[in-house]
Amino acid sequence: MKKILFLFPVLFFSCNNSNKDNVDKLMEKFQKEHDSTMAVLKAETDSIKASIISVPKDSVKSLLKGLTTSKDEFKKLTFYKNYSNSYFANAVFIYLVEGNDGQINGRFKIEYTADDWLFIKNYSFLCDDKVFDFIPEYDIERDNSGGDIFEYSDNYYSPQINKIVKAIITSKVTKIRCHGRQYYDDRVITQKEKTLLTKMYEILNYNKEK
């Protein structure tokens, strides 16, 4: 009996050490997975930032006249837009964002509204006879009010988007197709949308066009 009592604390101590080792290994595994995930996210973010088209505000000051301006004092951002659509709308447009560094970049926004959900996954643009497929970088947002539904995507203005916008504003007829979970919806991009897109395209391509 004495031997058993003597051995029990040793076994208990050994079990404690074993559990501690397992916990340490698990923590190390989780840390490695976390570091790996964060590294991937950083690489993706850096890649997106590197592809954003931007222009110095000083070079496009004259082109910004007439645009509606609003500020976010907390984020130290200034927004420029040339559309006045309601929150619920069917529209394709660009708005501009000025950062604290004086650089202006664009955001490409696609809005869809109806009386039933489409659960949009991606888009296609038919510019005359050429098709441009567009997959948003981020999840498409959804909302609803008074029986109407609203789905929209909001993306950094990248070279790919710049190419699509150029095709839209130079085409005779452009149609947009919103690909949903089961169905799709087509509509023609209006001349007003093209005019508003052209203005923003000129600003974001000022240095190139010049």
N, C-alpha and C. Protein backbone atom coordinates (compact mmCIF):
# COMPACT_ATOMS: atom_id res chain seq x y z
N MET A 1 0.84 -1.21 0.00
CA MET A 1 0.00 0.00 0.00
C MET A 1 0.86 1.24 0.00
N LYS A 2 1.96 1.16 0.72
CA LYS A 2 2.86 2.30 0.77
C LYS A 2 3.46 2.58 -0.60
N LYS A 3 3.76 1.48 -1.33
CA LYS A 3 4.35 1.64 -2.65
C LYS A 3 3.37 2.33 -3.59
N ILE A 4 2.10 1.94 -3.50
CA ILE A 4 1.07 2.53 -4.36
C ILE A 4 0.94 4.02 -4.08
N LEU A 5 0.91 4.35 -2.81
CA LEU A 5 0.79 5.75 -2.43
C LEU A 5 2.01 6.55 -2.89
N PHE A 6 3.11 5.92 -2.90
CA PHE A 6 4.35 6.60 -3.31
C PHE A 6 4.38 6.82 -4.83
N LEU A 7 3.84 5.84 -5.57
CA LEU A 7 3.88 5.93 -7.02
C LEU A 7 2.81 6.88 -7.58
N PHE A 8 1.70 7.02 -6.90
CA PHE A 8 0.57 7.81 -7.41
C PHE A 8 0.94 9.27 -7.73
N PRO A 9 1.63 9.97 -6.83
CA PRO A 9 2.02 11.35 -7.14
C PRO A 9 2.93 11.43 -8.36
N VAL A 10 3.77 10.39 -8.54
CA VAL A 10 4.68 10.39 -9.69
C VAL A 10 3.89 10.26 -10.98
N LEU A 11 2.91 9.30 -10.95
CA LEU A 11 2.07 9.12 -12.14
C LEU A 11 1.24 10.35 -12.42
N PHE A 12 0.72 10.96 -11.37
CA PHE A 12 -0.09 12.18 -11.53
C PHE A 12 0.74 13.30 -12.14
N PHE A 13 1.98 13.42 -11.63
CA PHE A 13 2.88 14.44 -12.13
C PHE A 13 3.21 14.20 -13.61
N SER A 14 3.40 12.89 -13.95
CA SER A 14 3.70 12.55 -15.34
C SER A 14 2.53 12.88 -16.26
N CYS A 15 1.32 12.59 -15.78
CA CYS A 15 0.12 12.90 -16.57
C CYS A 15 0.00 14.40 -16.79
N ASN A 16 0.28 15.17 -15.74
CA ASN A 16 0.22 16.62 -15.87
C ASN A 16 1.20 17.12 -16.91
N ASN A 17 2.41 16.57 -16.88
CA ASN A 17 3.43 16.96 -17.87
C ASN A 17 2.99 16.60 -19.28
N SER A 18 2.36 15.40 -19.40
CA SER A 18 1.89 14.96 -20.72
C SER A 18 0.81 15.89 -21.24
N ASN A 19 -0.14 16.26 -20.39
CA ASN A 19 -1.21 17.19 -20.79
C ASN A 19 -0.65 18.55 -21.18
N LYS A 20 0.33 18.99 -20.40
CA LYS A 20 0.94 20.30 -20.69
C LYS A 20 1.63 20.27 -22.05
N ASP A 21 2.31 19.16 -22.34
CA ASP A 21 2.98 19.03 -23.63
C ASP A 21 1.97 19.05 -24.78
N ASN A 22 0.84 18.36 -24.58
CA ASN A 22 -0.21 18.33 -25.61
C ASN A 22 -0.79 19.72 -25.86
N VAL A 23 -1.03 20.44 -24.76
CA VAL A 23 -1.56 21.80 -24.88
C VAL A 23 -0.57 22.70 -25.60
N ASP A 24 0.71 22.57 -25.24
CA ASP A 24 1.74 23.39 -25.88
C ASP A 24 1.81 23.10 -27.38
N LYS A 25 1.68 21.82 -27.73
CA LYS A 25 1.73 21.44 -29.15
C LYS A 25 0.54 22.00 -29.91
N LEU A 26 -0.64 21.92 -29.25
CA LEU A 26 -1.84 22.47 -29.88
C LEU A 26 -1.73 23.98 -30.07
N MET A 27 -1.23 24.66 -29.05
CA MET A 27 -1.06 26.11 -29.13
C MET A 27 -0.08 26.48 -30.24
N GLU A 28 0.99 25.70 -30.33
CA GLU A 28 1.98 25.94 -31.38
C GLU A 28 1.38 25.73 -32.77
N LYS A 29 0.55 24.69 -32.89
CA LYS A 29 -0.12 24.40 -34.16
C LYS A 29 -1.07 25.53 -34.54
N PHE A 30 -1.88 25.98 -33.57
CA PHE A 30 -2.83 27.06 -33.83
C PHE A 30 -2.10 28.35 -34.22
N GLN A 31 -0.97 28.61 -33.55
CA GLN A 31 -0.20 29.81 -33.84
C GLN A 31 0.35 29.79 -35.26
N LYS A 32 0.84 28.61 -35.67
CA LYS A 32 1.37 28.47 -37.02
C LYS A 32 0.27 28.66 -38.06
N GLU A 33 -0.91 28.08 -37.79
CA GLU A 33 -2.04 28.22 -38.71
C GLU A 33 -2.48 29.68 -38.79
N HIS A 34 -2.50 30.34 -37.62
CA HIS A 34 -2.88 31.76 -37.58
C HIS A 34 -1.89 32.60 -38.36
N ASP A 35 -0.60 32.37 -38.14
CA ASP A 35 0.44 33.13 -38.85
C ASP A 35 0.35 32.91 -40.34
N SER A 36 0.07 31.67 -40.74
CA SER A 36 -0.05 31.34 -42.16
C SER A 36 -1.24 32.06 -42.79
N THR A 37 -2.38 32.05 -42.07
CA THR A 37 -3.58 32.73 -42.56
C THR A 37 -3.35 34.22 -42.69
N MET A 38 -2.73 34.83 -41.70
CA MET A 38 -2.47 36.26 -41.72
C MET A 38 -1.50 36.62 -42.85
N ALA A 39 -0.55 35.75 -43.12
CA ALA A 39 0.41 35.99 -44.20
C ALA A 39 -0.30 35.98 -45.55
N VAL A 40 -1.25 35.04 -45.72
CA VAL A 40 -2.02 34.97 -46.96
C VAL A 40 -2.88 36.21 -47.12
N LEU A 41 -3.56 36.63 -46.04
CA LEU A 41 -4.41 37.82 -46.09
C LEU A 41 -3.59 39.07 -46.42
N LYS A 42 -2.41 39.18 -45.82
CA LYS A 42 -1.54 40.33 -46.09
C LYS A 42 -1.10 40.34 -47.54
N ALA A 43 -0.75 39.17 -48.07
CA ALA A 43 -0.33 39.07 -49.46
C ALA A 43 -1.45 39.47 -50.40
N GLU A 44 -2.68 39.03 -50.07
CA GLU A 44 -3.84 39.38 -50.90
C GLU A 44 -4.12 40.88 -50.83
N THR A 45 -4.03 41.45 -49.62
CA THR A 45 -4.25 42.88 -49.44
C THR A 45 -3.21 43.70 -50.19
N ASP A 46 -1.95 43.29 -50.07
CA ASP A 46 -0.86 43.99 -50.77
C ASP A 46 -1.06 43.91 -52.28
N SER A 47 -1.52 42.76 -52.75
CA SER A 47 -1.76 42.57 -54.18
C SER A 47 -2.87 43.50 -54.68
N ILE A 48 -3.93 43.60 -53.87
CA ILE A 48 -5.06 44.47 -54.24
C ILE A 48 -4.61 45.93 -54.26
N LYS A 49 -3.87 46.33 -53.22
CA LYS A 49 -3.40 47.71 -53.15
C LYS A 49 -2.49 48.06 -54.32
N ALA A 50 -1.66 47.10 -54.71
CA ALA A 50 -0.72 47.34 -55.80
C ALA A 50 -1.44 47.51 -57.13
N SER A 51 -2.66 46.95 -57.23
CA SER A 51 -3.38 47.01 -58.50
C SER A 51 -4.37 48.17 -58.58
N ILE A 52 -4.50 48.93 -57.49
CA ILE A 52 -5.45 50.05 -57.48
C ILE A 52 -4.93 51.20 -58.35
N ILE A 53 -5.81 51.71 -59.20
CA ILE A 53 -5.45 52.87 -60.02
C ILE A 53 -5.71 54.13 -59.21
N SER A 54 -4.72 54.99 -59.13
CA SER A 54 -4.88 56.24 -58.37
C SER A 54 -4.19 57.38 -59.09
N VAL A 55 -4.63 58.60 -58.78
CA VAL A 55 -4.04 59.81 -59.37
C VAL A 55 -3.86 60.84 -58.26
N PRO A 56 -2.84 61.70 -58.35
CA PRO A 56 -2.67 62.77 -57.35
C PRO A 56 -3.80 63.79 -57.48
N LYS A 57 -4.36 64.20 -56.37
CA LYS A 57 -5.46 65.17 -56.40
C LYS A 57 -5.03 66.46 -57.10
N ASP A 58 -3.81 66.91 -56.86
CA ASP A 58 -3.34 68.17 -57.45
C ASP A 58 -3.42 68.17 -58.97
N SER A 59 -3.28 66.98 -59.58
CA SER A 59 -3.28 66.91 -61.05
C SER A 59 -4.68 66.91 -61.65
N VAL A 60 -5.70 66.65 -60.82
CA VAL A 60 -7.06 66.55 -61.35
C VAL A 60 -8.04 67.51 -60.66
N LYS A 61 -7.50 68.52 -59.99
CA LYS A 61 -8.36 69.46 -59.25
C LYS A 61 -9.46 70.05 -60.11
N SER A 62 -9.11 70.46 -61.32
CA SER A 62 -10.09 71.10 -62.20
C SER A 62 -11.19 70.11 -62.61
N LEU A 63 -10.86 68.83 -62.70
CA LEU A 63 -11.84 67.82 -63.10
C LEU A 63 -12.79 67.44 -61.97
N LEU A 64 -12.40 67.78 -60.75
CA LEU A 64 -13.24 67.44 -59.60
C LEU A 64 -14.37 68.43 -59.39
N LYS A 65 -14.29 69.56 -60.07
CA LYS A 65 -15.33 70.59 -59.92
C LYS A 65 -16.68 70.05 -60.41
N GLY A 66 -17.71 70.31 -59.64
CA GLY A 66 -19.05 69.86 -60.00
C GLY A 66 -19.43 68.53 -59.38
N LEU A 67 -18.46 67.84 -58.78
CA LEU A 67 -18.77 66.58 -58.13
C LEU A 67 -19.27 66.83 -56.70
N THR A 68 -20.15 65.99 -56.23
CA THR A 68 -20.63 66.08 -54.86
C THR A 68 -19.58 65.53 -53.91
N THR A 69 -19.29 66.28 -52.84
CA THR A 69 -18.23 65.89 -51.91
C THR A 69 -18.79 65.60 -50.53
N SER A 70 -18.24 64.58 -49.90
CA SER A 70 -18.58 64.27 -48.50
C SER A 70 -17.31 63.77 -47.82
N LYS A 71 -17.27 63.89 -46.49
CA LYS A 71 -16.07 63.52 -45.74
C LYS A 71 -16.39 62.54 -44.62
N ASP A 72 -15.43 61.67 -44.35
CA ASP A 72 -15.48 60.80 -43.17
C ASP A 72 -14.33 61.25 -42.27
N GLU A 73 -14.66 62.02 -41.25
CA GLU A 73 -13.63 62.60 -40.39
C GLU A 73 -12.88 61.54 -39.59
N PHE A 74 -13.54 60.45 -39.28
CA PHE A 74 -12.90 59.40 -38.49
C PHE A 74 -11.84 58.66 -39.31
N LYS A 75 -12.19 58.37 -40.57
CA LYS A 75 -11.25 57.63 -41.44
C LYS A 75 -10.36 58.56 -42.25
N LYS A 76 -10.63 59.88 -42.12
CA LYS A 76 -9.85 60.89 -42.85
C LYS A 76 -9.90 60.63 -44.36
N LEU A 77 -11.12 60.44 -44.87
CA LEU A 77 -11.34 60.19 -46.28
C LEU A 77 -12.32 61.21 -46.85
N THR A 78 -12.12 61.55 -48.12
CA THR A 78 -13.05 62.44 -48.82
C THR A 78 -13.61 61.67 -50.01
N PHE A 79 -14.92 61.73 -50.18
CA PHE A 79 -15.59 60.99 -51.26
C PHE A 79 -16.12 61.97 -52.30
N TYR A 80 -16.00 61.59 -53.57
CA TYR A 80 -16.52 62.38 -54.68
C TYR A 80 -17.44 61.50 -55.50
N LYS A 81 -18.62 62.04 -55.83
CA LYS A 81 -19.53 61.27 -56.69
C LYS A 81 -20.27 62.20 -57.63
N ASN A 82 -20.78 61.62 -58.71
CA ASN A 82 -21.54 62.43 -59.68
C ASN A 82 -22.88 61.77 -60.00
N TYR A 83 -23.38 60.97 -59.08
CA TYR A 83 -24.68 60.34 -59.26
C TYR A 83 -25.57 60.73 -58.08
N SER A 84 -26.86 60.65 -58.29
CA SER A 84 -27.80 61.02 -57.22
C SER A 84 -28.90 59.97 -57.08
N ASN A 85 -28.56 58.71 -57.39
CA ASN A 85 -29.56 57.66 -57.29
C ASN A 85 -29.91 57.37 -55.83
N SER A 86 -31.06 56.75 -55.65
CA SER A 86 -31.48 56.40 -54.30
C SER A 86 -30.72 55.15 -53.85
N TYR A 87 -30.92 54.79 -52.60
CA TYR A 87 -30.22 53.62 -52.05
C TYR A 87 -30.59 52.36 -52.82
N PHE A 88 -31.86 52.25 -53.21
CA PHE A 88 -32.32 51.12 -53.98
C PHE A 88 -32.38 51.51 -55.45
N ALA A 89 -31.51 50.94 -56.26
CA ALA A 89 -31.44 51.33 -57.68
C ALA A 89 -30.79 50.23 -58.50
N ASN A 90 -31.00 50.29 -59.80
CA ASN A 90 -30.26 49.47 -60.74
C ASN A 90 -29.27 50.39 -61.42
N ALA A 91 -28.01 50.25 -61.10
CA ALA A 91 -27.03 51.20 -61.61
C ALA A 91 -25.62 50.64 -61.55
N VAL A 92 -24.78 51.15 -62.47
CA VAL A 92 -23.34 50.86 -62.48
C VAL A 92 -22.65 52.21 -62.45
N PHE A 93 -21.79 52.44 -61.47
CA PHE A 93 -21.14 53.75 -61.39
C PHE A 93 -19.81 53.68 -60.68
N ILE A 94 -19.09 54.78 -60.72
CA ILE A 94 -17.79 54.91 -60.06
C ILE A 94 -17.87 56.08 -59.08
N TYR A 95 -17.31 55.91 -57.90
CA TYR A 95 -17.11 57.07 -57.03
C TYR A 95 -15.64 57.12 -56.64
N LEU A 96 -15.19 58.29 -56.23
CA LEU A 96 -13.77 58.50 -55.96
C LEU A 96 -13.53 58.65 -54.46
N VAL A 97 -12.35 58.19 -54.03
CA VAL A 97 -11.97 58.28 -52.62
C VAL A 97 -10.59 58.93 -52.52
N GLU A 98 -10.53 60.02 -51.76
CA GLU A 98 -9.25 60.70 -51.52
C GLU A 98 -8.74 60.36 -50.13
N GLY A 99 -7.53 59.84 -50.07
CA GLY A 99 -6.94 59.49 -48.79
C GLY A 99 -6.18 60.65 -48.19
N ASN A 100 -5.63 60.43 -47.02
CA ASN A 100 -4.89 61.47 -46.31
C ASN A 100 -3.59 61.84 -47.02
N ASP A 101 -3.17 60.99 -47.97
CA ASP A 101 -1.93 61.24 -48.70
C ASP A 101 -2.13 62.07 -49.97
N GLY A 102 -3.39 62.50 -50.22
CA GLY A 102 -3.66 63.32 -51.39
C GLY A 102 -3.84 62.54 -52.67
N GLN A 103 -3.84 61.20 -52.57
CA GLN A 103 -4.07 60.36 -53.74
C GLN A 103 -5.55 60.04 -53.87
N ILE A 104 -6.02 60.01 -55.10
CA ILE A 104 -7.43 59.69 -55.36
C ILE A 104 -7.51 58.36 -56.09
N ASN A 105 -8.29 57.45 -55.55
CA ASN A 105 -8.54 56.18 -56.24
C ASN A 105 -10.04 55.99 -56.41
N GLY A 106 -10.41 55.04 -57.23
CA GLY A 106 -11.81 54.84 -57.54
C GLY A 106 -12.41 53.59 -56.92
N ARG A 107 -13.73 53.59 -56.85
CA ARG A 107 -14.48 52.41 -56.43
C ARG A 107 -15.54 52.16 -57.50
N PHE A 108 -15.69 50.91 -57.88
CA PHE A 108 -16.64 50.51 -58.92
C PHE A 108 -17.80 49.80 -58.24
N LYS A 109 -18.99 50.37 -58.38
CA LYS A 109 -20.15 49.85 -57.66
C LYS A 109 -21.25 49.40 -58.62
N ILE A 110 -21.79 48.23 -58.37
CA ILE A 110 -22.90 47.71 -59.16
C ILE A 110 -24.07 47.46 -58.22
N GLU A 111 -25.21 48.09 -58.52
CA GLU A 111 -26.39 47.96 -57.67
C GLU A 111 -27.51 47.25 -58.43
N TYR A 112 -28.21 46.40 -57.72
CA TYR A 112 -29.34 45.67 -58.31
C TYR A 112 -30.50 45.71 -57.33
N THR A 113 -31.69 46.03 -57.83
CA THR A 113 -32.88 46.03 -56.98
C THR A 113 -34.03 45.37 -57.71
N ALA A 114 -34.87 44.68 -56.95
CA ALA A 114 -36.03 43.99 -57.52
C ALA A 114 -36.98 43.66 -56.37
N ASP A 115 -38.01 42.85 -56.67
CA ASP A 115 -38.93 42.46 -55.61
C ASP A 115 -38.66 41.04 -55.11
N ASP A 116 -37.62 40.42 -55.65
CA ASP A 116 -37.26 39.08 -55.20
C ASP A 116 -35.75 38.89 -55.27
N TRP A 117 -35.20 38.05 -54.41
CA TRP A 117 -33.75 37.85 -54.36
C TRP A 117 -33.24 37.15 -55.60
N LEU A 118 -32.09 37.59 -56.08
CA LEU A 118 -31.39 36.92 -57.17
C LEU A 118 -30.18 36.16 -56.63
N PHE A 119 -29.67 36.63 -55.49
CA PHE A 119 -28.46 36.07 -54.87
C PHE A 119 -27.31 36.06 -55.88
N ILE A 120 -26.95 37.28 -56.29
CA ILE A 120 -25.95 37.47 -57.33
C ILE A 120 -24.60 36.91 -56.90
N LYS A 121 -23.93 36.24 -57.85
CA LYS A 121 -22.61 35.68 -57.60
C LYS A 121 -21.54 36.41 -58.41
N ASN A 122 -21.87 36.79 -59.64
CA ASN A 122 -20.93 37.52 -60.51
C ASN A 122 -21.69 38.22 -61.63
N TYR A 123 -20.95 38.87 -62.52
CA TYR A 123 -21.56 39.69 -63.56
C TYR A 123 -20.88 39.44 -64.91
N SER A 124 -21.61 39.79 -65.97
CA SER A 124 -21.04 39.82 -67.32
C SER A 124 -21.51 41.09 -68.00
N PHE A 125 -20.60 41.69 -68.79
CA PHE A 125 -20.94 42.88 -69.57
C PHE A 125 -20.81 42.53 -71.05
N LEU A 126 -21.87 42.77 -71.82
CA LEU A 126 -21.83 42.57 -73.26
C LEU A 126 -21.71 43.95 -73.91
N CYS A 127 -20.49 44.28 -74.33
CA CYS A 127 -20.22 45.59 -74.94
C CYS A 127 -20.18 45.40 -76.45
N ASP A 128 -21.28 45.77 -77.11
CA ASP A 128 -21.49 45.46 -78.53
C ASP A 128 -21.43 43.95 -78.70
N ASP A 129 -20.34 43.40 -79.23
CA ASP A 129 -20.29 41.96 -79.43
C ASP A 129 -19.23 41.27 -78.57
N LYS A 130 -18.66 42.00 -77.60
CA LYS A 130 -17.60 41.44 -76.76
C LYS A 130 -18.09 41.29 -75.32
N VAL A 131 -17.80 40.12 -74.74
CA VAL A 131 -18.25 39.83 -73.37
C VAL A 131 -17.09 39.96 -72.39
N PHE A 132 -17.35 40.66 -71.28
CA PHE A 132 -16.38 40.80 -70.19
C PHE A 132 -17.01 40.21 -68.93
N ASP A 133 -16.38 39.18 -68.37
CA ASP A 133 -16.87 38.59 -67.12
C ASP A 133 -16.20 39.28 -65.94
N PHE A 134 -16.98 39.49 -64.90
CA PHE A 134 -16.45 40.18 -63.73
C PHE A 134 -16.89 39.46 -62.45
N ILE A 135 -15.89 39.02 -61.67
CA ILE A 135 -16.15 38.39 -60.37
C ILE A 135 -15.71 39.35 -59.27
N PRO A 136 -16.62 39.82 -58.43
CA PRO A 136 -16.26 40.77 -57.36
C PRO A 136 -15.21 40.22 -56.42
N GLU A 137 -14.37 41.11 -55.90
CA GLU A 137 -13.32 40.70 -54.97
C GLU A 137 -13.89 40.34 -53.60
N TYR A 138 -15.01 40.98 -53.26
CA TYR A 138 -15.60 40.79 -51.93
C TYR A 138 -17.02 40.25 -52.06
N ASP A 139 -17.55 39.76 -50.95
CA ASP A 139 -18.91 39.24 -50.94
C ASP A 139 -19.89 40.33 -51.34
N ILE A 140 -20.91 39.93 -52.08
CA ILE A 140 -21.94 40.88 -52.49
C ILE A 140 -22.88 41.14 -51.31
N GLU A 141 -23.12 42.42 -51.02
CA GLU A 141 -23.96 42.80 -49.88
C GLU A 141 -25.43 42.73 -50.26
N ARG A 142 -26.29 42.47 -49.26
CA ARG A 142 -27.73 42.37 -49.50
C ARG A 142 -28.50 43.09 -48.41
N ASP A 143 -29.65 43.66 -48.83
CA ASP A 143 -30.50 44.38 -47.88
C ASP A 143 -31.92 44.33 -48.40
N ASN A 144 -32.86 44.77 -47.61
CA ASN A 144 -34.26 44.82 -48.08
C ASN A 144 -35.02 45.87 -47.28
N SER A 145 -36.09 46.39 -47.91
CA SER A 145 -36.92 47.40 -47.26
C SER A 145 -38.23 47.54 -48.03
N GLY A 146 -39.33 47.56 -47.30
CA GLY A 146 -40.64 47.80 -47.91
C GLY A 146 -40.99 46.84 -49.03
N GLY A 147 -40.53 45.60 -48.95
CA GLY A 147 -40.86 44.63 -49.98
C GLY A 147 -39.87 44.58 -51.14
N ASP A 148 -38.92 45.52 -51.18
CA ASP A 148 -37.90 45.52 -52.22
C ASP A 148 -36.60 44.94 -51.67
N ILE A 149 -35.86 44.25 -52.54
CA ILE A 149 -34.56 43.72 -52.13
C ILE A 149 -33.46 44.52 -52.84
N PHE A 150 -32.28 44.46 -52.28
CA PHE A 150 -31.16 45.25 -52.79
C PHE A 150 -29.89 44.42 -52.68
N GLU A 151 -29.17 44.26 -53.79
CA GLU A 151 -27.90 43.54 -53.80
C GLU A 151 -26.85 44.41 -54.49
N TYR A 152 -25.68 44.54 -53.89
CA TYR A 152 -24.66 45.37 -54.53
C TYR A 152 -23.24 44.88 -54.24
N SER A 153 -22.34 45.20 -55.16
CA SER A 153 -20.91 44.94 -54.97
C SER A 153 -20.17 46.26 -55.05
N ASP A 154 -19.11 46.38 -54.28
CA ASP A 154 -18.33 47.61 -54.20
C ASP A 154 -16.85 47.22 -54.23
N ASN A 155 -16.16 47.56 -55.32
CA ASN A 155 -14.81 47.05 -55.54
C ASN A 155 -13.79 48.15 -55.80
N TYR A 156 -12.52 47.88 -55.43
CA TYR A 156 -11.43 48.77 -55.79
C TYR A 156 -11.36 48.89 -57.31
N TYR A 157 -11.02 50.08 -57.78
CA TYR A 157 -10.93 50.31 -59.22
C TYR A 157 -9.59 49.79 -59.73
N SER A 158 -9.62 48.60 -60.30
CA SER A 158 -8.41 47.91 -60.76
C SER A 158 -8.24 48.06 -62.27
N PRO A 159 -7.09 47.66 -62.81
CA PRO A 159 -6.89 47.68 -64.27
C PRO A 159 -7.95 46.86 -65.01
N GLN A 160 -8.37 45.73 -64.41
CA GLN A 160 -9.40 44.92 -65.06
C GLN A 160 -10.71 45.70 -65.18
N ILE A 161 -11.08 46.38 -64.10
CA ILE A 161 -12.31 47.20 -64.12
C ILE A 161 -12.15 48.36 -65.09
N ASN A 162 -10.98 48.95 -65.12
CA ASN A 162 -10.71 50.06 -66.02
C ASN A 162 -10.95 49.64 -67.48
N LYS A 163 -10.53 48.43 -67.79
CA LYS A 163 -10.71 47.89 -69.14
C LYS A 163 -12.19 47.70 -69.46
N ILE A 164 -12.95 47.20 -68.48
CA ILE A 164 -14.39 47.00 -68.66
C ILE A 164 -15.09 48.34 -68.84
N VAL A 165 -14.74 49.31 -68.00
CA VAL A 165 -15.38 50.64 -68.08
C VAL A 165 -15.10 51.28 -69.44
N LYS A 166 -13.88 51.18 -69.92
CA LYS A 166 -13.54 51.74 -71.24
C LYS A 166 -14.41 51.10 -72.32
N ALA A 167 -14.60 49.79 -72.23
CA ALA A 167 -15.44 49.09 -73.21
C ALA A 167 -16.89 49.55 -73.12
N ILE A 168 -17.36 49.80 -71.89
CA ILE A 168 -18.75 50.26 -71.71
C ILE A 168 -18.96 51.62 -72.33
N ILE A 169 -18.07 52.57 -72.03
CA ILE A 169 -18.30 53.96 -72.46
C ILE A 169 -18.00 54.17 -73.95
N THR A 170 -17.30 53.26 -74.57
CA THR A 170 -16.99 53.40 -76.00
C THR A 170 -17.89 52.52 -76.87
N SER A 171 -18.75 51.74 -76.24
CA SER A 171 -19.63 50.84 -77.00
C SER A 171 -20.89 51.57 -77.45
N LYS A 172 -21.53 51.01 -78.46
CA LYS A 172 -22.83 51.54 -78.89
C LYS A 172 -23.91 51.06 -77.93
N VAL A 173 -23.86 49.78 -77.60
CA VAL A 173 -24.83 49.21 -76.67
C VAL A 173 -24.11 48.29 -75.69
N THR A 174 -24.38 48.47 -74.41
CA THR A 174 -23.82 47.58 -73.39
C THR A 174 -24.95 47.02 -72.54
N LYS A 175 -24.90 45.72 -72.33
CA LYS A 175 -25.85 45.07 -71.45
C LYS A 175 -25.10 44.46 -70.28
N ILE A 176 -25.72 44.47 -69.12
CA ILE A 176 -25.14 43.82 -67.95
C ILE A 176 -26.02 42.63 -67.58
N ARG A 177 -25.37 41.52 -67.28
CA ARG A 177 -26.08 40.34 -66.80
C ARG A 177 -25.64 40.05 -65.37
N CYS A 178 -26.59 39.99 -64.46
CA CYS A 178 -26.30 39.63 -63.08
C CYS A 178 -26.59 38.14 -62.93
N HIS A 179 -25.55 37.37 -62.69
CA HIS A 179 -25.70 35.93 -62.55
C HIS A 179 -26.07 35.59 -61.11
N GLY A 180 -27.25 35.02 -60.93
CA GLY A 180 -27.70 34.66 -59.59
C GLY A 180 -27.46 33.20 -59.29
N ARG A 181 -27.95 32.78 -58.15
CA ARG A 181 -27.77 31.40 -57.70
C ARG A 181 -28.45 30.43 -58.67
N GLN A 182 -29.67 30.80 -59.16
CA GLN A 182 -30.40 29.94 -60.08
C GLN A 182 -30.74 30.65 -61.38
N TYR A 183 -31.01 31.96 -61.27
CA TYR A 183 -31.45 32.71 -62.43
C TYR A 183 -30.49 33.87 -62.70
N TYR A 184 -30.80 34.62 -63.75
CA TYR A 184 -30.00 35.80 -64.06
C TYR A 184 -30.92 36.93 -64.50
N ASP A 185 -30.39 38.13 -64.49
CA ASP A 185 -31.17 39.30 -64.90
C ASP A 185 -30.33 40.16 -65.84
N ASP A 186 -30.92 40.54 -66.97
CA ASP A 186 -30.24 41.38 -67.97
C ASP A 186 -30.89 42.75 -68.04
N ARG A 187 -30.08 43.74 -68.28
CA ARG A 187 -30.61 45.07 -68.58
C ARG A 187 -29.58 45.85 -69.39
N VAL A 188 -30.03 46.90 -70.06
CA VAL A 188 -29.16 47.74 -70.87
C VAL A 188 -28.59 48.88 -70.02
N ILE A 189 -27.29 49.11 -70.10
CA ILE A 189 -26.67 50.26 -69.43
C ILE A 189 -27.16 51.52 -70.13
N THR A 190 -27.70 52.46 -69.36
CA THR A 190 -28.27 53.67 -69.96
C THR A 190 -27.19 54.65 -70.42
N GLN A 191 -27.62 55.58 -71.26
CA GLN A 191 -26.68 56.62 -71.72
C GLN A 191 -26.25 57.51 -70.56
N LYS A 192 -27.14 57.74 -69.63
CA LYS A 192 -26.79 58.55 -68.47
C LYS A 192 -25.69 57.87 -67.66
N GLU A 193 -25.80 56.57 -67.47
CA GLU A 193 -24.76 55.82 -66.75
C GLU A 193 -23.42 55.95 -67.48
N LYS A 194 -23.46 55.84 -68.81
CA LYS A 194 -22.23 55.95 -69.60
C LYS A 194 -21.59 57.33 -69.44
N THR A 195 -22.43 58.36 -69.43
CA THR A 195 -21.92 59.73 -69.29
C THR A 195 -21.23 59.91 -67.93
N LEU A 196 -21.86 59.40 -66.88
CA LEU A 196 -21.30 59.52 -65.53
C LEU A 196 -20.02 58.69 -65.40
N LEU A 197 -20.01 57.51 -65.99
CA LEU A 197 -18.82 56.66 -65.97
C LEU A 197 -17.67 57.32 -66.72
N THR A 198 -18.00 57.99 -67.84
CA THR A 198 -16.97 58.64 -68.67
C THR A 198 -16.23 59.71 -67.88
N LYS A 199 -16.98 60.50 -67.13
CA LYS A 199 -16.38 61.57 -66.32
C LYS A 199 -15.35 61.01 -65.34
N MET A 200 -15.75 59.96 -64.62
CA MET A 200 -14.86 59.35 -63.63
C MET A 200 -13.69 58.63 -64.29
N TYR A 201 -13.95 58.03 -65.43
CA TYR A 201 -12.89 57.34 -66.18
C TYR A 201 -11.81 58.34 -66.59
N GLU A 202 -12.23 59.50 -67.03
CA GLU A 202 -11.28 60.54 -67.45
C GLU A 202 -10.40 61.00 -66.29
N ILE A 203 -11.01 61.10 -65.12
CA ILE A 203 -10.25 61.53 -63.93
C ILE A 203 -9.22 60.46 -63.56
N LEU A 204 -9.65 59.21 -63.49
CA LEU A 204 -8.75 58.14 -63.06
C LEU A 204 -7.69 57.79 -64.10
N ASN A 205 -7.91 58.22 -65.34
CA ASN A 205 -6.93 57.97 -66.40
C ASN A 205 -6.27 59.26 -66.89
N TYR A 206 -6.35 60.30 -66.04
CA TYR A 206 -5.85 61.61 -66.45
C TYR A 206 -4.38 61.56 -66.88
N ASN A 207 -3.54 60.95 -66.09
CA ASN A 207 -2.11 60.90 -66.41
C ASN A 207 -1.84 60.09 -67.67
N LYS A 208 -2.61 59.02 -67.87
CA LYS A 208 -2.43 58.18 -69.06
C LYS A 208 -2.87 58.92 -70.31
N GLU A 209 -4.09 59.47 -70.22
CA GLU A 209 -4.64 60.15 -71.40
C GLU A 209 -3.83 61.36 -71.77
N LYS A 210 -3.27 62.02 -70.76
CA LYS A 210 -2.47 63.21 -71.02
C LYS A 210 -1.21 62.84 -71.76
